[in-house]
């Protein structure tokens, strides 16, 4: 997955979910956490600190 969507703070997690063609945000959150060990919001918050 391209992480540029999460780096764009103008996009909500819900908008990203739709852009990636997930039907529901919880499904995206679960998949993302399996791939990265973090929720999308946790990942975004960490990326903004760097």
Protein backbone atom coordinates (compact mmCIF):
# COMPACT_ATOMS: atom_id res chain seq x y z
CA UNK A 1 0.00 0.00 0.00
CA UNK A 2 1.19 3.47 -0.76
CA UNK A 3 1.45 5.42 2.49
CA UNK A 4 1.25 8.83 0.83
CA UNK A 5 -2.47 9.03 1.61
CA UNK A 6 -1.76 8.80 5.33
CA UNK A 7 1.00 11.36 5.07
CA UNK A 8 -1.55 13.79 3.63
CA UNK A 9 -3.20 15.18 6.75
CA UNK A 10 -5.92 16.80 4.60
CA UNK A 11 -7.44 13.34 4.05
CA UNK A 12 -9.42 11.69 6.82
CA UNK A 13 -8.99 7.99 7.55
CA UNK A 14 -12.53 7.55 6.24
CA UNK A 15 -11.63 9.23 2.94
CA UNK A 16 -8.55 7.04 2.63
CA UNK A 17 -10.71 3.98 3.28
CA UNK A 18 -12.90 4.97 0.35
CA UNK A 19 -9.95 5.78 -1.93
CA UNK A 20 -8.57 2.31 -1.32
CA UNK A 21 -11.97 0.73 -2.10
CA UNK A 22 -12.63 -0.70 1.35
CA UNK A 23 -16.33 -0.92 2.12
CA UNK A 24 -15.88 -0.16 5.82
CA UNK A 25 -13.27 1.66 7.84
CA UNK A 26 -12.91 -1.11 10.46
CA UNK A 27 -11.84 -3.49 7.68
CA UNK A 28 -9.17 -1.05 6.54
CA UNK A 29 -8.02 -0.50 10.13
CA UNK A 30 -7.66 -4.26 10.73
CA UNK A 31 -5.76 -4.84 7.49
CA UNK A 32 -3.48 -1.88 8.08
CA UNK A 33 -2.71 -3.05 11.62
CA UNK A 34 -1.84 -6.53 10.32
CA UNK A 35 0.61 -4.99 7.81
CA UNK A 36 2.22 -2.39 10.07
CA UNK A 37 1.43 -3.28 13.69
CA UNK A 38 -0.26 0.11 14.07
CA UNK A 39 -3.67 1.53 13.31
CA UNK A 40 -3.75 4.10 10.49
CA UNK A 41 -4.16 6.91 13.00
CA UNK A 42 -1.27 5.66 15.17
CA UNK A 43 0.92 5.42 12.05
CA UNK A 44 -0.05 8.91 10.95
CA UNK A 45 0.67 10.35 14.38
CA UNK A 46 4.11 8.72 14.48
CA UNK A 47 4.93 9.89 10.94
CA UNK A 48 4.05 13.47 11.86
CA UNK A 49 6.47 13.39 14.80
CA UNK A 50 9.40 12.52 12.54
